[in-house]
Structures are given as C-alpha cells and as structure tokens.
Amino acid sequence: MANIYRFKSYFLVSITCLFVVAGCFFKPSPPDPEEQAEKIAESLAGGGYTAERTYTIKLMRDRWLHDGQSIEVLILAPEEPGTYPLILYLPGLGEHADGGVIWRENWAKAGYFVMSIQTEEMGNALKELAPPAPAVLLLK
C-alpha cells in the first residue's frame, strides 16, 4: 500500500514538472503590426516618458587638471536642495562634455544629478580630421 502512495506522489510530481518545463517553451505570440502601431501611437500621443515632476535646473561648469590633462566637467542638477540619483554621462570620442544636451537636460528636469566628463584631448580628437568627401556615384 505504501508503494502505491509513493508511486502516486512521484507521478504527480513528474506531471507537475512536465507542465512547468513545457510552459517555459511556449512564448506569447508577438503583437501584429496593427497592435504595434496602436501602442506606438499611444506612447507618442502621451509624449513618451514623462516624469512625475519637472524640476528647474542649474548648470555648473568646471575644468579639472589630472596628470597634465585638462578635463571638462559639466553638472546639470535640480536647483531644489535634496538627494538625487546620479547619472554619469560619458561623451563619445570627438564629443565635448556638453554633448547629449537634450538627454542631460531632460534627466536633470526629471530629478537626476547629471555629470558629464570628457578630457579636452578626447573632445578634440576628431576636430583635425577633414570632413568626409561626398559620395560620388559612378554610372557606366
């Protein structure tokens, strides 16, 4: 009799595991193009991401020297005193610390302390390169 109960419990556990594992293989079907377009339209109509509150912001600039290198430092932060999460914005090669201004301003207005750092050498790295020549299409 004990063997029958043990068999039933193993059987139930096995069936349960089978359903759990099988459920991992099935994904929900992606939305059709109409549903996707509708969701995008809703998001854009609402202005995309909107913060609960909009802060007035202040800009602080500084230049640091480290091992003979000049480093541009820009800070955008809410004017209101408080504790804010930090976003460290690292511009790309050839971009000065004031790059990405739209993103940085919107983050700061949403309540983030945004610090952008770039060495002058990296900010000016691509300045000396000539602009790319316009593409010419040769037809034969």
C-alpha atoms as a PDB file:
ATOM      1  CA  MET A   1       0.000   0.000   0.000  1.00  0.00           C
ATOM      2  CA  ALA A   2       2.852   2.395   0.800  1.00  0.00           C
ATOM      3  CA  ASN A   3       4.340   1.695  -2.621  1.00  0.00           C
ATOM      4  CA  ILE A   4       1.120   2.826  -4.330  1.00  0.00           C
ATOM      5  CA  TYR A   5       1.100   6.149  -2.424  1.00  0.00           C
ATOM      6  CA  ARG A   6       4.785   6.677  -3.222  1.00  0.00           C
ATOM      7  CA  PHE A   7       4.098   5.913  -6.901  1.00  0.00           C
ATOM      8  CA  LYS A   8       1.162   8.363  -6.963  1.00  0.00           C
ATOM      9  CA  SER A   9       3.226  11.138  -5.378  1.00  0.00           C
ATOM     10  CA  TYR A  10       6.138  10.586  -7.795  1.00  0.00           C
ATOM     11  CA  PHE A  11       3.683  10.518 -10.669  1.00  0.00           C
ATOM     12  CA  LEU A  12       2.055  13.807  -9.594  1.00  0.00           C
ATOM     13  CA  VAL A  13       5.432  15.491  -9.095  1.00  0.00           C
ATOM     14  CA  SER A  14       6.591  14.257 -12.512  1.00  0.00           C
ATOM     15  CA  ILE A  15       3.446  15.536 -14.252  1.00  0.00           C
ATOM     16  CA  THR A  16       3.735  18.900 -12.488  1.00  0.00           C
ATOM     17  CA  CYS A  17       7.381  19.248 -13.541  1.00  0.00           C
ATOM     18  CA  LEU A  18       6.465  18.302 -17.088  1.00  0.00           C
ATOM     19  CA  PHE A  19       3.856  21.078 -17.267  1.00  0.00           C
ATOM     20  CA  VAL A  20       6.244  23.629 -15.740  1.00  0.00           C
ATOM     21  CA  VAL A  21       9.030  22.760 -18.191  1.00  0.00           C
ATOM     22  CA  ALA A  22       6.615  22.677 -21.141  1.00  0.00           C
ATOM     23  CA  GLY A  23       5.349  26.126 -20.166  1.00  0.00           C
ATOM     24  CA  CYS A  24       8.870  27.512 -20.491  1.00  0.00           C
ATOM     25  CA  PHE A  25       8.989  26.614 -24.173  1.00  0.00           C
ATOM     26  CA  PHE A  26       5.855  28.469 -25.197  1.00  0.00           C
ATOM     27  CA  LYS A  27       6.150  32.214 -25.730  1.00  0.00           C
ATOM     28  CA  PRO A  28       3.265  34.596 -26.246  1.00  0.00           C
ATOM     29  CA  SER A  29       2.775  35.494 -29.851  1.00  0.00           C
ATOM     30  CA  PRO A  30       4.132  38.919 -30.785  1.00  0.00           C
ATOM     31  CA  PRO A  31       1.570  41.647 -31.413  1.00  0.00           C
ATOM     32  CA  ASP A  32       0.505  42.076 -35.000  1.00  0.00           C
ATOM     33  CA  PRO A  33       1.607  45.221 -36.887  1.00  0.00           C
ATOM     34  CA  GLU A  34      -1.705  46.969 -36.191  1.00  0.00           C
ATOM     35  CA  GLU A  35      -1.363  46.422 -32.431  1.00  0.00           C
ATOM     36  CA  GLN A  36       2.249  47.618 -32.537  1.00  0.00           C
ATOM     37  CA  ALA A  37       1.283  50.762 -34.459  1.00  0.00           C
ATOM     38  CA  GLU A  38      -1.525  51.447 -31.972  1.00  0.00           C
ATOM     39  CA  LYS A  39       0.819  51.097 -28.967  1.00  0.00           C
ATOM     40  CA  ILE A  40       3.410  53.375 -30.582  1.00  0.00           C
ATOM     41  CA  ALA A  41       0.750  55.972 -31.377  1.00  0.00           C
ATOM     42  CA  GLU A  42      -0.495  55.877 -27.756  1.00  0.00           C
ATOM     43  CA  SER A  43       3.032  56.328 -26.431  1.00  0.00           C
ATOM     44  CA  LEU A  44       3.783  59.227 -28.774  1.00  0.00           C
ATOM     45  CA  ALA A  45       0.432  60.885 -28.057  1.00  0.00           C
ATOM     46  CA  GLY A  46       1.274  60.804 -24.378  1.00  0.00           C
ATOM     47  CA  GLY A  47       4.672  62.380 -25.045  1.00  0.00           C
ATOM     48  CA  GLY A  48       6.656  59.199 -24.384  1.00  0.00           C
ATOM     49  CA  TYR A  49       8.202  59.103 -20.924  1.00  0.00           C
ATOM     50  CA  THR A  50       7.006  61.828 -18.607  1.00  0.00           C
ATOM     51  CA  ALA A  51       8.355  62.414 -15.133  1.00  0.00           C
ATOM     52  CA  GLU A  52       6.024  62.858 -12.181  1.00  0.00           C
ATOM     53  CA  ARG A  53       7.544  66.254 -11.546  1.00  0.00           C
ATOM     54  CA  THR A  54       9.592  68.758 -13.551  1.00  0.00           C
ATOM     55  CA  TYR A  55      12.404  70.499 -11.702  1.00  0.00           C
ATOM     56  CA  THR A  56      14.081  73.769 -12.597  1.00  0.00           C
ATOM     57  CA  ILE A  57      17.724  73.016 -13.225  1.00  0.00           C
ATOM     58  CA  LYS A  58      21.075  74.720 -12.903  1.00  0.00           C
ATOM     59  CA  LEU A  59      24.267  74.211 -14.885  1.00  0.00           C
ATOM     60  CA  MET A  60      27.703  74.119 -13.300  1.00  0.00           C
ATOM     61  CA  ARG A  61      30.933  74.028 -15.323  1.00  0.00           C
ATOM     62  CA  ASP A  62      34.413  73.256 -14.116  1.00  0.00           C
ATOM     63  CA  ARG A  63      37.772  72.275 -15.511  1.00  0.00           C
ATOM     64  CA  TRP A  64      39.929  69.809 -13.631  1.00  0.00           C
ATOM     65  CA  LEU A  65      43.605  69.010 -14.166  1.00  0.00           C
ATOM     66  CA  HIS A  66      44.773  65.435 -13.726  1.00  0.00           C
ATOM     67  CA  ASP A  67      48.235  64.209 -14.751  1.00  0.00           C
ATOM     68  CA  GLY A  68      48.632  67.212 -17.045  1.00  0.00           C
ATOM     69  CA  GLN A  69      45.323  66.586 -18.814  1.00  0.00           C
ATOM     70  CA  SER A  70      42.524  69.118 -18.820  1.00  0.00           C
ATOM     71  CA  ILE A  71      39.128  67.572 -18.043  1.00  0.00           C
ATOM     72  CA  GLU A  72      35.833  69.306 -18.798  1.00  0.00           C
ATOM     73  CA  VAL A  73      33.185  68.705 -16.141  1.00  0.00           C
ATOM     74  CA  LEU A  74      29.563  69.760 -16.580  1.00  0.00           C
ATOM     75  CA  ILE A  75      26.890  69.204 -13.977  1.00  0.00           C
ATOM     76  CA  LEU A  76      23.168  69.631 -14.505  1.00  0.00           C
ATOM     77  CA  ALA A  77      21.082  69.283 -11.371  1.00  0.00           C
ATOM     78  CA  PRO A  78      17.750  70.348  -9.928  1.00  0.00           C
ATOM     79  CA  GLU A  79      18.002  73.715  -8.171  1.00  0.00           C
ATOM     80  CA  GLU A  80      15.964  72.483  -5.219  1.00  0.00           C
ATOM     81  CA  PRO A  81      18.176  71.069  -2.438  1.00  0.00           C
ATOM     82  CA  GLY A  82      17.775  67.350  -1.968  1.00  0.00           C
ATOM     83  CA  THR A  83      19.203  63.919  -2.635  1.00  0.00           C
ATOM     84  CA  TYR A  84      19.113  62.885  -6.288  1.00  0.00           C
ATOM     85  CA  PRO A  85      20.310  59.792  -8.156  1.00  0.00           C
ATOM     86  CA  LEU A  86      23.475  60.291 -10.208  1.00  0.00           C
ATOM     87  CA  ILE A  87      23.733  59.763 -13.961  1.00  0.00           C
ATOM     88  CA  LEU A  88      27.290  59.841 -15.252  1.00  0.00           C
ATOM     89  CA  TYR A  89      27.257  60.802 -18.941  1.00  0.00           C
ATOM     90  CA  LEU A  90      30.435  59.890 -20.808  1.00  0.00           C
ATOM     91  CA  PRO A  91      30.514  61.516 -24.255  1.00  0.00           C
ATOM     92  CA  GLY A  92      31.909  59.655 -27.227  1.00  0.00           C
ATOM     93  CA  LEU A  93      35.206  60.244 -28.991  1.00  0.00           C
ATOM     94  CA  GLY A  94      35.236  63.732 -30.501  1.00  0.00           C
ATOM     95  CA  GLU A  95      32.293  64.898 -28.412  1.00  0.00           C
ATOM     96  CA  HIS A  96      32.806  67.557 -25.761  1.00  0.00           C
ATOM     97  CA  ALA A  97      31.360  67.360 -22.259  1.00  0.00           C
ATOM     98  CA  ASP A  98      28.408  69.494 -23.380  1.00  0.00           C
ATOM     99  CA  GLY A  99      27.256  66.816 -25.859  1.00  0.00           C
ATOM    100  CA  GLY A 100      23.953  64.999 -25.418  1.00  0.00           C
ATOM    101  CA  VAL A 101      22.370  68.169 -24.095  1.00  0.00           C
ATOM    102  CA  ILE A 102      18.759  67.118 -24.769  1.00  0.00           C
ATOM    103  CA  TRP A 103      19.165  63.895 -22.786  1.00  0.00           C
ATOM    104  CA  ARG A 104      21.106  65.511 -19.968  1.00  0.00           C
ATOM    105  CA  GLU A 105      18.618  68.375 -19.563  1.00  0.00           C
ATOM    106  CA  ASN A 106      15.610  66.054 -19.537  1.00  0.00           C
ATOM    107  CA  TRP A 107      17.226  63.746 -16.974  1.00  0.00           C
ATOM    108  CA  ALA A 108      18.007  66.729 -14.733  1.00  0.00           C
ATOM    109  CA  LYS A 109      14.476  68.121 -15.114  1.00  0.00           C
ATOM    110  CA  ALA A 110      13.158  64.688 -14.079  1.00  0.00           C
ATOM    111  CA  GLY A 111      15.122  64.829 -10.816  1.00  0.00           C
ATOM    112  CA  TYR A 112      18.568  63.399 -11.589  1.00  0.00           C
ATOM    113  CA  PHE A 113      22.033  64.798 -10.884  1.00  0.00           C
ATOM    114  CA  VAL A 114      23.759  64.532 -14.281  1.00  0.00           C
ATOM    115  CA  MET A 115      27.534  64.749 -14.502  1.00  0.00           C
ATOM    116  CA  SER A 116      29.312  64.824 -17.864  1.00  0.00           C
ATOM    117  CA  ILE A 117      33.087  64.349 -18.035  1.00  0.00           C
ATOM    118  CA  GLN A 118      35.422  64.484 -21.038  1.00  0.00           C
ATOM    119  CA  THR A 119      39.121  65.207 -21.457  1.00  0.00           C
ATOM    120  CA  GLU A 120      39.898  68.052 -23.849  1.00  0.00           C
ATOM    121  CA  GLU A 121      42.121  65.697 -25.802  1.00  0.00           C
ATOM    122  CA  MET A 122      39.240  63.269 -26.439  1.00  0.00           C
ATOM    123  CA  GLY A 123      36.786  66.090 -27.137  1.00  0.00           C
ATOM    124  CA  ASN A 124      39.092  67.487 -29.817  1.00  0.00           C
ATOM    125  CA  ALA A 125      40.237  64.108 -31.160  1.00  0.00           C
ATOM    126  CA  LEU A 126      38.297  64.273 -34.411  1.00  0.00           C
ATOM    127  CA  LYS A 127      38.433  68.049 -34.896  1.00  0.00           C
ATOM    128  CA  GLU A 128      41.564  67.905 -37.053  1.00  0.00           C
ATOM    129  CA  LEU A 129      40.138  65.336 -39.454  1.00  0.00           C
ATOM    130  CA  ALA A 130      38.783  66.697 -42.696  1.00  0.00           C
ATOM    131  CA  PRO A 131      35.060  66.181 -43.224  1.00  0.00           C
ATOM    132  CA  PRO A 132      34.301  63.088 -45.296  1.00  0.00           C
ATOM    133  CA  ALA A 133      34.188  63.663 -49.015  1.00  0.00           C
ATOM    134  CA  PRO A 134      30.708  63.477 -50.525  1.00  0.00           C
ATOM    135  CA  ALA A 135      29.893  60.121 -52.015  1.00  0.00           C
ATOM    136  CA  VAL A 136      30.162  60.054 -55.774  1.00  0.00           C
ATOM    137  CA  LEU A 137      28.144  57.590 -57.774  1.00  0.00           C
ATOM    138  CA  LEU A 138      29.832  56.436 -60.936  1.00  0.00           C
ATOM    139  CA  LEU A 139      27.492  55.156 -63.589  1.00  0.00           C
ATOM    140  CA  LYS A 140      28.804  53.231 -66.561  1.00  0.00           C
END
